[in-house]
Amino acid sequence: MAKKVTPTETERCIESMIAVFQRYAGREITNSPNTLSKTEFLSFMHTELASFSQNQDPGVLDRMMKKLDLNCDGQLDFQEFLNLIGGLAQACHAAFTTQQPSKKI
């Protein structure tokens, strides 16, 4: 009998990102199930990143969508979505590491 392999924390995080994207993508009948429309993007931001989006000028989210939409099709595909997640992760990491005293080896 094959041994059951438990997913690692990183693998679970990847699965979670895919699941979250799929939860919001394609909600609109006219939209592809593999992309986020502007409305779906705003819904994602207001629900999943509420602490970030609640303090932003409404125009900020519009500008973010335009900047993330690299192929200018008015939608975000999974790669464009990952650019958002990666950028936010980098900003959080930078803020976290500047608040902690540096560790000496």
PDB file of N, CA and C in Angstrom:
ATOM      1  N   MET A   1       0.845  -1.175   0.000  1.00  0.00           N
ATOM      2  CA  MET A   1       0.000   0.000   0.000  1.00  0.00           C
ATOM      3  C   MET A   1       0.893   1.242   0.000  1.00  0.00           C
ATOM      4  N   ALA A   2       0.540   2.226  -0.833  1.00  0.00           N
ATOM      5  CA  ALA A   2       1.331   3.445  -0.954  1.00  0.00           C
ATOM      6  C   ALA A   2       1.144   4.323   0.284  1.00  0.00           C
ATOM      7  N   LYS A   3       2.239   4.916   0.694  1.00  0.00           N
ATOM      8  CA  LYS A   3       2.208   5.808   1.848  1.00  0.00           C
ATOM      9  C   LYS A   3       1.567   7.134   1.424  1.00  0.00           C
ATOM     10  N   LYS A   4       0.629   7.624   2.217  1.00  0.00           N
ATOM     11  CA  LYS A   4      -0.031   8.895   1.924  1.00  0.00           C
ATOM     12  C   LYS A   4       0.917  10.034   2.277  1.00  0.00           C
ATOM     13  N   VAL A   5       1.125  10.916   1.330  1.00  0.00           N
ATOM     14  CA  VAL A   5       2.022  12.049   1.529  1.00  0.00           C
ATOM     15  C   VAL A   5       1.183  13.266   1.915  1.00  0.00           C
ATOM     16  N   THR A   6       1.520  13.863   3.025  1.00  0.00           N
ATOM     17  CA  THR A   6       0.838  15.066   3.472  1.00  0.00           C
ATOM     18  C   THR A   6       1.461  16.272   2.770  1.00  0.00           C
ATOM     19  N   PRO A   7       0.620  17.143   2.195  1.00  0.00           N
ATOM     20  CA  PRO A   7       1.179  18.328   1.523  1.00  0.00           C
ATOM     21  C   PRO A   7       1.962  19.195   2.505  1.00  0.00           C
ATOM     22  N   THR A   8       3.002  19.801   2.006  1.00  0.00           N
ATOM     23  CA  THR A   8       3.803  20.710   2.825  1.00  0.00           C
ATOM     24  C   THR A   8       3.054  22.030   2.985  1.00  0.00           C
ATOM     25  N   GLU A   9       3.538  22.856   3.875  1.00  0.00           N
ATOM     26  CA  GLU A   9       2.927  24.176   4.085  1.00  0.00           C
ATOM     27  C   GLU A   9       2.946  24.980   2.785  1.00  0.00           C
ATOM     28  N   THR A  10       4.049  24.913   2.056  1.00  0.00           N
ATOM     29  CA  THR A  10       4.160  25.645   0.788  1.00  0.00           C
ATOM     30  C   THR A  10       3.162  25.116  -0.238  1.00  0.00           C
ATOM     31  N   GLU A  11       3.034  23.805  -0.310  1.00  0.00           N
ATOM     32  CA  GLU A  11       2.071  23.215  -1.243  1.00  0.00           C
ATOM     33  C   GLU A  11       0.642  23.608  -0.889  1.00  0.00           C
ATOM     34  N   ARG A  12       0.331  23.649   0.402  1.00  0.00           N
ATOM     35  CA  ARG A  12      -1.010  24.077   0.824  1.00  0.00           C
ATOM     36  C   ARG A  12      -1.249  25.550   0.487  1.00  0.00           C
ATOM     37  N   CYS A  13      -0.229  26.375   0.602  1.00  0.00           N
ATOM     38  CA  CYS A  13      -0.359  27.793   0.245  1.00  0.00           C
ATOM     39  C   CYS A  13      -0.639  27.958  -1.244  1.00  0.00           C
ATOM     40  N   ILE A  14       0.051  27.198  -2.068  1.00  0.00           N
ATOM     41  CA  ILE A  14      -0.169  27.250  -3.510  1.00  0.00           C
ATOM     42  C   ILE A  14      -1.592  26.804  -3.839  1.00  0.00           C
ATOM     43  N   GLU A  15      -2.025  25.698  -3.239  1.00  0.00           N
ATOM     44  CA  GLU A  15      -3.392  25.223  -3.451  1.00  0.00           C
ATOM     45  C   GLU A  15      -4.407  26.284  -3.030  1.00  0.00           C
ATOM     46  N   SER A  16      -4.125  26.969  -1.941  1.00  0.00           N
ATOM     47  CA  SER A  16      -5.014  28.010  -1.443  1.00  0.00           C
ATOM     48  C   SER A  16      -5.104  29.182  -2.423  1.00  0.00           C
ATOM     49  N   MET A  17      -3.958  29.596  -2.975  1.00  0.00           N
ATOM     50  CA  MET A  17      -3.972  30.700  -3.945  1.00  0.00           C
ATOM     51  C   MET A  17      -4.797  30.335  -5.178  1.00  0.00           C
ATOM     52  N   ILE A  18      -4.642  29.121  -5.641  1.00  0.00           N
ATOM     53  CA  ILE A  18      -5.417  28.669  -6.797  1.00  0.00           C
ATOM     54  C   ILE A  18      -6.905  28.657  -6.456  1.00  0.00           C
ATOM     55  N   ALA A  19      -7.250  28.142  -5.290  1.00  0.00           N
ATOM     56  CA  ALA A  19      -8.653  28.062  -4.878  1.00  0.00           C
ATOM     57  C   ALA A  19      -9.279  29.449  -4.740  1.00  0.00           C
ATOM     58  N   VAL A  20      -8.542  30.384  -4.169  1.00  0.00           N
ATOM     59  CA  VAL A  20      -9.063  31.747  -4.009  1.00  0.00           C
ATOM     60  C   VAL A  20      -9.278  32.383  -5.377  1.00  0.00           C
ATOM     61  N   PHE A  21      -8.313  32.249  -6.269  1.00  0.00           N
ATOM     62  CA  PHE A  21      -8.470  32.807  -7.622  1.00  0.00           C
ATOM     63  C   PHE A  21      -9.713  32.221  -8.281  1.00  0.00           C
ATOM     64  N   GLN A  22      -9.861  30.905  -8.219  1.00  0.00           N
ATOM     65  CA  GLN A  22     -11.002  30.245  -8.869  1.00  0.00           C
ATOM     66  C   GLN A  22     -12.337  30.624  -8.233  1.00  0.00           C
ATOM     67  N   ARG A  23     -12.323  30.942  -6.943  1.00  0.00           N
ATOM     68  CA  ARG A  23     -13.550  31.351  -6.259  1.00  0.00           C
ATOM     69  C   ARG A  23     -14.098  32.654  -6.844  1.00  0.00           C
ATOM     70  N   TYR A  24     -13.220  33.550  -7.269  1.00  0.00           N
ATOM     71  CA  TYR A  24     -13.655  34.855  -7.777  1.00  0.00           C
ATOM     72  C   TYR A  24     -13.710  34.921  -9.303  1.00  0.00           C
ATOM     73  N   ALA A  25     -12.873  34.172  -9.982  1.00  0.00           N
ATOM     74  CA  ALA A  25     -12.797  34.223 -11.450  1.00  0.00           C
ATOM     75  C   ALA A  25     -14.039  33.612 -12.084  1.00  0.00           C
ATOM     76  N   GLY A  26     -14.544  34.280 -13.106  1.00  0.00           N
ATOM     77  CA  GLY A  26     -15.652  33.735 -13.876  1.00  0.00           C
ATOM     78  C   GLY A  26     -17.003  33.820 -13.205  1.00  0.00           C
ATOM     79  N   ARG A  27     -17.152  34.640 -12.182  1.00  0.00           N
ATOM     80  CA  ARG A  27     -18.466  34.800 -11.542  1.00  0.00           C
ATOM     81  C   ARG A  27     -19.460  35.426 -12.508  1.00  0.00           C
ATOM     82  N   GLU A  28     -18.964  36.354 -13.312  1.00  0.00           N
ATOM     83  CA  GLU A  28     -19.834  37.011 -14.288  1.00  0.00           C
ATOM     84  C   GLU A  28     -20.031  36.082 -15.472  1.00  0.00           C
ATOM     85  N   ILE A  29     -21.239  35.999 -15.953  1.00  0.00           N
ATOM     86  CA  ILE A  29     -21.569  35.092 -17.062  1.00  0.00           C
ATOM     87  C   ILE A  29     -20.752  35.419 -18.304  1.00  0.00           C
ATOM     88  N   THR A  30     -20.493  36.680 -18.543  1.00  0.00           N
ATOM     89  CA  THR A  30     -19.762  37.092 -19.749  1.00  0.00           C
ATOM     90  C   THR A  30     -18.259  36.949 -19.608  1.00  0.00           C
ATOM     91  N   ASN A  31     -17.788  36.577 -18.436  1.00  0.00           N
ATOM     92  CA  ASN A  31     -16.352  36.521 -18.183  1.00  0.00           C
ATOM     93  C   ASN A  31     -15.827  35.086 -18.252  1.00  0.00           C
ATOM     94  N   SER A  32     -14.589  34.966 -18.642  1.00  0.00           N
ATOM     95  CA  SER A  32     -13.914  33.666 -18.682  1.00  0.00           C
ATOM     96  C   SER A  32     -13.764  33.123 -17.265  1.00  0.00           C
ATOM     97  N   PRO A  33     -13.878  31.810 -17.077  1.00  0.00           N
ATOM     98  CA  PRO A  33     -13.669  31.238 -15.747  1.00  0.00           C
ATOM     99  C   PRO A  33     -12.201  31.242 -15.322  1.00  0.00           C
ATOM    100  N   ASN A  34     -11.331  31.698 -16.218  1.00  0.00           N
ATOM    101  CA  ASN A  34      -9.896  31.717 -15.924  1.00  0.00           C
ATOM    102  C   ASN A  34      -9.336  33.122 -15.767  1.00  0.00           C
ATOM    103  N   THR A  35     -10.207  34.112 -15.638  1.00  0.00           N
ATOM    104  CA  THR A  35      -9.754  35.496 -15.455  1.00  0.00           C
ATOM    105  C   THR A  35     -10.659  36.222 -14.467  1.00  0.00           C
ATOM    106  N   LEU A  36     -10.124  37.308 -13.916  1.00  0.00           N
ATOM    107  CA  LEU A  36     -10.898  38.191 -13.045  1.00  0.00           C
ATOM    108  C   LEU A  36     -11.275  39.437 -13.824  1.00  0.00           C
ATOM    109  N   SER A  37     -12.559  39.739 -13.892  1.00  0.00           N
ATOM    110  CA  SER A  37     -13.004  41.005 -14.462  1.00  0.00           C
ATOM    111  C   SER A  37     -12.729  42.096 -13.432  1.00  0.00           C
ATOM    112  N   LYS A  38     -12.967  43.328 -13.789  1.00  0.00           N
ATOM    113  CA  LYS A  38     -12.775  44.426 -12.839  1.00  0.00           C
ATOM    114  C   LYS A  38     -13.693  44.239 -11.632  1.00  0.00           C
ATOM    115  N   THR A  39     -14.937  43.871 -11.871  1.00  0.00           N
ATOM    116  CA  THR A  39     -15.888  43.651 -10.775  1.00  0.00           C
ATOM    117  C   THR A  39     -15.438  42.510  -9.876  1.00  0.00           C
ATOM    118  N   GLU A  40     -14.966  41.424 -10.485  1.00  0.00           N
ATOM    119  CA  GLU A  40     -14.475  40.280  -9.703  1.00  0.00           C
ATOM    120  C   GLU A  40     -13.216  40.649  -8.922  1.00  0.00           C
ATOM    121  N   PHE A  41     -12.342  41.440  -9.544  1.00  0.00           N
ATOM    122  CA  PHE A  41     -11.131  41.905  -8.869  1.00  0.00           C
ATOM    123  C   PHE A  41     -11.500  42.751  -7.650  1.00  0.00           C
ATOM    124  N   LEU A  42     -12.444  43.670  -7.813  1.00  0.00           N
ATOM    125  CA  LEU A  42     -12.856  44.522  -6.700  1.00  0.00           C
ATOM    126  C   LEU A  42     -13.491  43.685  -5.587  1.00  0.00           C
ATOM    127  N   SER A  43     -14.296  42.707  -5.959  1.00  0.00           N
ATOM    128  CA  SER A  43     -14.893  41.810  -4.967  1.00  0.00           C
ATOM    129  C   SER A  43     -13.800  41.058  -4.205  1.00  0.00           C
ATOM    130  N   PHE A  44     -12.811  40.543  -4.927  1.00  0.00           N
ATOM    131  CA  PHE A  44     -11.672  39.864  -4.294  1.00  0.00           C
ATOM    132  C   PHE A  44     -10.960  40.807  -3.313  1.00  0.00           C
ATOM    133  N   MET A  45     -10.653  42.004  -3.770  1.00  0.00           N
ATOM    134  CA  MET A  45      -9.914  42.956  -2.935  1.00  0.00           C
ATOM    135  C   MET A  45     -10.696  43.316  -1.677  1.00  0.00           C
ATOM    136  N   HIS A  46     -12.004  43.599  -1.825  1.00  0.00           N
ATOM    137  CA  HIS A  46     -12.820  44.019  -0.684  1.00  0.00           C
ATOM    138  C   HIS A  46     -13.087  42.877   0.298  1.00  0.00           C
ATOM    139  N   THR A  47     -13.024  41.642  -0.179  1.00  0.00           N
ATOM    140  CA  THR A  47     -13.289  40.494   0.693  1.00  0.00           C
ATOM    141  C   THR A  47     -12.005  39.895   1.246  1.00  0.00           C
ATOM    142  N   GLU A  48     -11.071  39.561   0.366  1.00  0.00           N
ATOM    143  CA  GLU A  48      -9.859  38.848   0.764  1.00  0.00           C
ATOM    144  C   GLU A  48      -8.751  39.765   1.281  1.00  0.00           C
ATOM    145  N   LEU A  49      -8.748  41.005   0.836  1.00  0.00           N
ATOM    146  CA  LEU A  49      -7.723  41.962   1.274  1.00  0.00           C
ATOM    147  C   LEU A  49      -8.390  43.219   1.838  1.00  0.00           C
ATOM    148  N   ALA A  50      -9.406  42.999   2.650  1.00  0.00           N
ATOM    149  CA  ALA A  50     -10.219  44.096   3.178  1.00  0.00           C
ATOM    150  C   ALA A  50      -9.400  45.105   3.979  1.00  0.00           C
ATOM    151  N   SER A  51      -8.466  44.630   4.783  1.00  0.00           N
ATOM    152  CA  SER A  51      -7.682  45.566   5.595  1.00  0.00           C
ATOM    153  C   SER A  51      -6.815  46.461   4.719  1.00  0.00           C
ATOM    154  N   PHE A  52      -6.414  45.973   3.559  1.00  0.00           N
ATOM    155  CA  PHE A  52      -5.637  46.791   2.623  1.00  0.00           C
ATOM    156  C   PHE A  52      -6.553  47.744   1.862  1.00  0.00           C
ATOM    157  N   SER A  53      -7.650  47.244   1.327  1.00  0.00           N
ATOM    158  CA  SER A  53      -8.483  48.046   0.431  1.00  0.00           C
ATOM    159  C   SER A  53      -9.379  49.048   1.148  1.00  0.00           C
ATOM    160  N   GLN A  54      -9.711  48.812   2.414  1.00  0.00           N
ATOM    161  CA  GLN A  54     -10.633  49.716   3.104  1.00  0.00           C
ATOM    162  C   GLN A  54     -10.048  51.104   3.322  1.00  0.00           C
ATOM    163  N   ASN A  55      -8.752  51.223   3.378  1.00  0.00           N
ATOM    164  CA  ASN A  55      -8.119  52.519   3.627  1.00  0.00           C
ATOM    165  C   ASN A  55      -7.625  53.192   2.355  1.00  0.00           C
ATOM    166  N   GLN A  56      -8.000  52.650   1.210  1.00  0.00           N
ATOM    167  CA  GLN A  56      -7.511  53.176  -0.063  1.00  0.00           C
ATOM    168  C   GLN A  56      -8.557  54.066  -0.740  1.00  0.00           C
ATOM    169  N   ASP A  57      -8.074  55.069  -1.422  1.00  0.00           N
ATOM    170  CA  ASP A  57      -8.918  55.873  -2.289  1.00  0.00           C
ATOM    171  C   ASP A  57      -9.472  54.923  -3.358  1.00  0.00           C
ATOM    172  N   PRO A  58     -10.757  55.041  -3.721  1.00  0.00           N
ATOM    173  CA  PRO A  58     -11.328  54.130  -4.729  1.00  0.00           C
ATOM    174  C   PRO A  58     -10.532  54.080  -6.033  1.00  0.00           C
ATOM    175  N   GLY A  59      -9.904  55.169  -6.406  1.00  0.00           N
ATOM    176  CA  GLY A  59      -9.106  55.203  -7.627  1.00  0.00           C
ATOM    177  C   GLY A  59      -7.865  54.333  -7.568  1.00  0.00           C
ATOM    178  N   VAL A  60      -7.382  54.046  -6.368  1.00  0.00           N
ATOM    179  CA  VAL A  60      -6.174  53.224  -6.208  1.00  0.00           C
ATOM    180  C   VAL A  60      -6.415  51.818  -6.762  1.00  0.00           C
ATOM    181  N   LEU A  61      -7.572  51.235  -6.443  1.00  0.00           N
ATOM    182  CA  LEU A  61      -7.867  49.886  -6.924  1.00  0.00           C
ATOM    183  C   LEU A  61      -8.026  49.863  -8.443  1.00  0.00           C
ATOM    184  N   ASP A  62      -8.599  50.916  -9.012  1.00  0.00           N
ATOM    185  CA  ASP A  62      -8.690  51.013 -10.477  1.00  0.00           C
ATOM    186  C   ASP A  62      -7.304  51.068 -11.101  1.00  0.00           C
ATOM    187  N   ARG A  63      -6.425  51.877 -10.510  1.00  0.00           N
ATOM    188  CA  ARG A  63      -5.063  51.990 -11.037  1.00  0.00           C
ATOM    189  C   ARG A  63      -4.300  50.677 -10.871  1.00  0.00           C
ATOM    190  N   MET A  64      -4.525  49.988  -9.758  1.00  0.00           N
ATOM    191  CA  MET A  64      -3.879  48.688  -9.545  1.00  0.00           C
ATOM    192  C   MET A  64      -4.302  47.706 -10.632  1.00  0.00           C
ATOM    193  N   MET A  65      -5.594  47.666 -10.903  1.00  0.00           N
ATOM    194  CA  MET A  65      -6.114  46.750 -11.927  1.00  0.00           C
ATOM    195  C   MET A  65      -5.458  47.046 -13.274  1.00  0.00           C
ATOM    196  N   LYS A  66      -5.383  48.322 -13.643  1.00  0.00           N
ATOM    197  CA  LYS A  66      -4.780  48.693 -14.929  1.00  0.00           C
ATOM    198  C   LYS A  66      -3.302  48.334 -14.975  1.00  0.00           C
ATOM    199  N   LYS A  67      -2.601  48.544 -13.881  1.00  0.00           N
ATOM    200  CA  LYS A  67      -1.172  48.232 -13.844  1.00  0.00           C
ATOM    201  C   LYS A  67      -0.920  46.723 -13.890  1.00  0.00           C
ATOM    202  N   LEU A  68      -1.758  45.952 -13.229  1.00  0.00           N
ATOM    203  CA  LEU A  68      -1.614  44.497 -13.211  1.00  0.00           C
ATOM    204  C   LEU A  68      -1.991  43.861 -14.543  1.00  0.00           C
ATOM    205  N   ASP A  69      -2.898  44.488 -15.282  1.00  0.00           N
ATOM    206  CA  ASP A  69      -3.410  43.943 -16.544  1.00  0.00           C
ATOM    207  C   ASP A  69      -2.380  44.157 -17.657  1.00  0.00           C
ATOM    208  N   LEU A  70      -1.355  43.324 -17.672  1.00  0.00           N
ATOM    209  CA  LEU A  70      -0.221  43.495 -18.579  1.00  0.00           C
ATOM    210  C   LEU A  70      -0.590  43.385 -20.054  1.00  0.00           C
ATOM    211  N   ASN A  71      -1.574  42.556 -20.391  1.00  0.00           N
ATOM    212  CA  ASN A  71      -1.960  42.414 -21.798  1.00  0.00           C
ATOM    213  C   ASN A  71      -3.124  43.335 -22.180  1.00  0.00           C
ATOM    214  N   CYS A  72      -3.537  44.186 -21.263  1.00  0.00           N
ATOM    215  CA  CYS A  72      -4.557  45.218 -21.500  1.00  0.00           C
ATOM    216  C   CYS A  72      -5.867  44.659 -22.061  1.00  0.00           C
ATOM    217  N   ASP A  73      -6.296  43.507 -21.551  1.00  0.00           N
ATOM    218  CA  ASP A  73      -7.559  42.932 -22.017  1.00  0.00           C
ATOM    219  C   ASP A  73      -8.715  43.234 -21.062  1.00  0.00           C
ATOM    220  N   GLY A  74      -8.456  44.036 -20.017  1.00  0.00           N
ATOM    221  CA  GLY A  74      -9.502  44.399 -19.078  1.00  0.00           C
ATOM    222  C   GLY A  74      -9.791  43.331 -18.037  1.00  0.00           C
ATOM    223  N   GLN A  75      -8.963  42.298 -17.997  1.00  0.00           N
ATOM    224  CA  GLN A  75      -9.141  41.200 -17.049  1.00  0.00           C
ATOM    225  C   GLN A  75      -7.778  40.781 -16.514  1.00  0.00           C
ATOM    226  N   LEU A  76      -7.792  40.089 -15.379  1.00  0.00           N
ATOM    227  CA  LEU A  76      -6.547  39.573 -14.821  1.00  0.00           C
ATOM    228  C   LEU A  76      -6.539  38.059 -14.941  1.00  0.00           C
ATOM    229  N   ASP A  77      -5.523  37.538 -15.624  1.00  0.00           N
ATOM    230  CA  ASP A  77      -5.367  36.085 -15.668  1.00  0.00           C
ATOM    231  C   ASP A  77      -4.600  35.658 -14.415  1.00  0.00           C
ATOM    232  N   PHE A  78      -4.354  34.367 -14.275  1.00  0.00           N
ATOM    233  CA  PHE A  78      -3.729  33.876 -13.046  1.00  0.00           C
ATOM    234  C   PHE A  78      -2.328  34.442 -12.850  1.00  0.00           C
ATOM    235  N   GLN A  79      -1.550  34.581 -13.922  1.00  0.00           N
ATOM    236  CA  GLN A  79      -0.202  35.148 -13.794  1.00  0.00           C
ATOM    237  C   GLN A  79      -0.270  36.598 -13.319  1.00  0.00           C
ATOM    238  N   GLU A  80      -1.195  37.368 -13.865  1.00  0.00           N
ATOM    239  CA  GLU A  80      -1.348  38.764 -13.446  1.00  0.00           C
ATOM    240  C   GLU A  80      -1.801  38.828 -11.983  1.00  0.00           C
ATOM    241  N   PHE A  81      -2.677  37.909 -11.581  1.00  0.00           N
ATOM    242  CA  PHE A  81      -3.109  37.802 -10.192  1.00  0.00           C
ATOM    243  C   PHE A  81      -1.916  37.495  -9.287  1.00  0.00           C
ATOM    244  N   LEU A  82      -1.055  36.581  -9.725  1.00  0.00           N
ATOM    245  CA  LEU A  82       0.126  36.238  -8.924  1.00  0.00           C
ATOM    246  C   LEU A  82       1.083  37.423  -8.790  1.00  0.00           C
ATOM    247  N   ASN A  83       1.122  38.294  -9.786  1.00  0.00           N
ATOM    248  CA  ASN A  83       1.940  39.502  -9.676  1.00  0.00           C
ATOM    249  C   ASN A  83       1.445  40.375  -8.524  1.00  0.00           C
ATOM    250  N   LEU A  84       0.129  40.455  -8.356  1.00  0.00           N
ATOM    251  CA  LEU A  84      -0.450  41.195  -7.237  1.00  0.00           C
ATOM    252  C   LEU A  84      -0.044  40.548  -5.913  1.00  0.00           C
ATOM    253  N   ILE A  85      -0.246  39.249  -5.812  1.00  0.00           N
ATOM    254  CA  ILE A  85       0.063  38.538  -4.566  1.00  0.00           C
ATOM    255  C   ILE A  85       1.551  38.646  -4.245  1.00  0.00           C
ATOM    256  N   GLY A  86       2.396  38.476  -5.253  1.00  0.00           N
ATOM    257  CA  GLY A  86       3.831  38.585  -5.046  1.00  0.00           C
ATOM    258  C   GLY A  86       4.250  39.975  -4.602  1.00  0.00           C
ATOM    259  N   GLY A  87       3.684  40.991  -5.225  1.00  0.00           N
ATOM    260  CA  GLY A  87       3.996  42.367  -4.847  1.00  0.00           C
ATOM    261  C   GLY A  87       3.579  42.683  -3.422  1.00  0.00           C
ATOM    262  N   LEU A  88       2.395  42.221  -3.051  1.00  0.00           N
ATOM    263  CA  LEU A  88       1.934  42.440  -1.678  1.00  0.00           C
ATOM    264  C   LEU A  88       2.796  41.675  -0.682  1.00  0.00           C
ATOM    265  N   ALA A  89       3.180  40.452  -1.036  1.00  0.00           N
ATOM    266  CA  ALA A  89       4.036  39.662  -0.161  1.00  0.00           C
ATOM    267  C   ALA A  89       5.397  40.343   0.027  1.00  0.00           C
ATOM    268  N   GLN A  90       5.945  40.888  -1.048  1.00  0.00           N
ATOM    269  CA  GLN A  90       7.228  41.593  -0.949  1.00  0.00           C
ATOM    270  C   GLN A  90       7.112  42.818  -0.049  1.00  0.00           C
ATOM    271  N   ALA A  91       6.031  43.572  -0.204  1.00  0.00           N
ATOM    272  CA  ALA A  91       5.837  44.771   0.621  1.00  0.00           C
ATOM    273  C   ALA A  91       5.685  44.387   2.092  1.00  0.00           C
ATOM    274  N   CYS A  92       4.923  43.334   2.370  1.00  0.00           N
ATOM    275  CA  CYS A  92       4.755  42.871   3.750  1.00  0.00           C
ATOM    276  C   CYS A  92       6.077  42.371   4.331  1.00  0.00           C
ATOM    277  N   HIS A  93       6.833  41.640   3.522  1.00  0.00           N
ATOM    278  CA  HIS A  93       8.125  41.135   3.977  1.00  0.00           C
ATOM    279  C   HIS A  93       9.064  42.287   4.301  1.00  0.00           C
ATOM    280  N   ALA A  94       9.097  43.289   3.430  1.00  0.00           N
ATOM    281  CA  ALA A  94       9.967  44.447   3.663  1.00  0.00           C
ATOM    282  C   ALA A  94       9.562  45.175   4.944  1.00  0.00           C
ATOM    283  N   ALA A  95       8.265  45.357   5.148  1.00  0.00           N
ATOM    284  CA  ALA A  95       7.796  46.036   6.359  1.00  0.00           C
ATOM    285  C   ALA A  95       8.127  45.213   7.601  1.00  0.00           C
ATOM    286  N   PHE A  96       7.951  43.908   7.501  1.00  0.00           N
ATOM    287  CA  PHE A  96       8.229  43.023   8.631  1.00  0.00           C
ATOM    288  C   PHE A  96       9.712  43.015   8.978  1.00  0.00           C
ATOM    289  N   THR A  97      10.571  42.937   7.979  1.00  0.00           N
ATOM    290  CA  THR A  97      12.011  42.853   8.250  1.00  0.00           C
ATOM    291  C   THR A  97      12.593  44.175   8.719  1.00  0.00           C
ATOM    292  N   THR A  98      11.994  45.299   8.361  1.00  0.00           N
ATOM    293  CA  THR A  98      12.518  46.579   8.844  1.00  0.00           C
ATOM    294  C   THR A  98      12.089  46.846  10.277  1.00  0.00           C
ATOM    295  N   GLN A  99      11.043  46.155  10.740  1.00  0.00           N
ATOM    296  CA  GLN A  99      10.573  46.337  12.112  1.00  0.00           C
ATOM    297  C   GLN A  99      11.321  45.450  13.092  1.00  0.00           C
ATOM    298  N   GLN A 100      11.950  44.397  12.610  1.00  0.00           N
ATOM    299  CA  GLN A 100      12.666  43.471  13.488  1.00  0.00           C
ATOM    300  C   GLN A 100      14.140  43.842  13.556  1.00  0.00           C
ATOM    301  N   PRO A 101      14.746  43.688  14.733  1.00  0.00           N
ATOM    302  CA  PRO A 101      16.195  43.892  14.792  1.00  0.00           C
ATOM    303  C   PRO A 101      16.893  42.810  13.983  1.00  0.00           C
ATOM    304  N   SER A 102      17.978  43.189  13.334  1.00  0.00           N
ATOM    305  CA  SER A 102      18.687  42.208  12.508  1.00  0.00           C
ATOM    306  C   SER A 102      19.343  41.147  13.391  1.00  0.00           C
ATOM    307  N   LYS A 103      19.374  39.921  12.855  1.00  0.00           N
ATOM    308  CA  LYS A 103      19.983  38.808  13.576  1.00  0.00           C
ATOM    309  C   LYS A 103      21.432  38.683  13.147  1.00  0.00           C
ATOM    310  N   LYS A 104      22.288  38.514  14.094  1.00  0.00           N
ATOM    311  CA  LYS A 104      23.713  38.323  13.775  1.00  0.00           C
ATOM    312  C   LYS A 104      24.047  36.858  13.891  1.00  0.00           C
ATOM    313  N   ILE A 105      24.824  36.382  12.952  1.00  0.00           N
ATOM    314  CA  ILE A 105      25.234  34.979  12.935  1.00  0.00           C
ATOM    315  C   ILE A 105      26.533  34.807  13.671  1.00  0.00           C
TER     316      ILE A 105
END
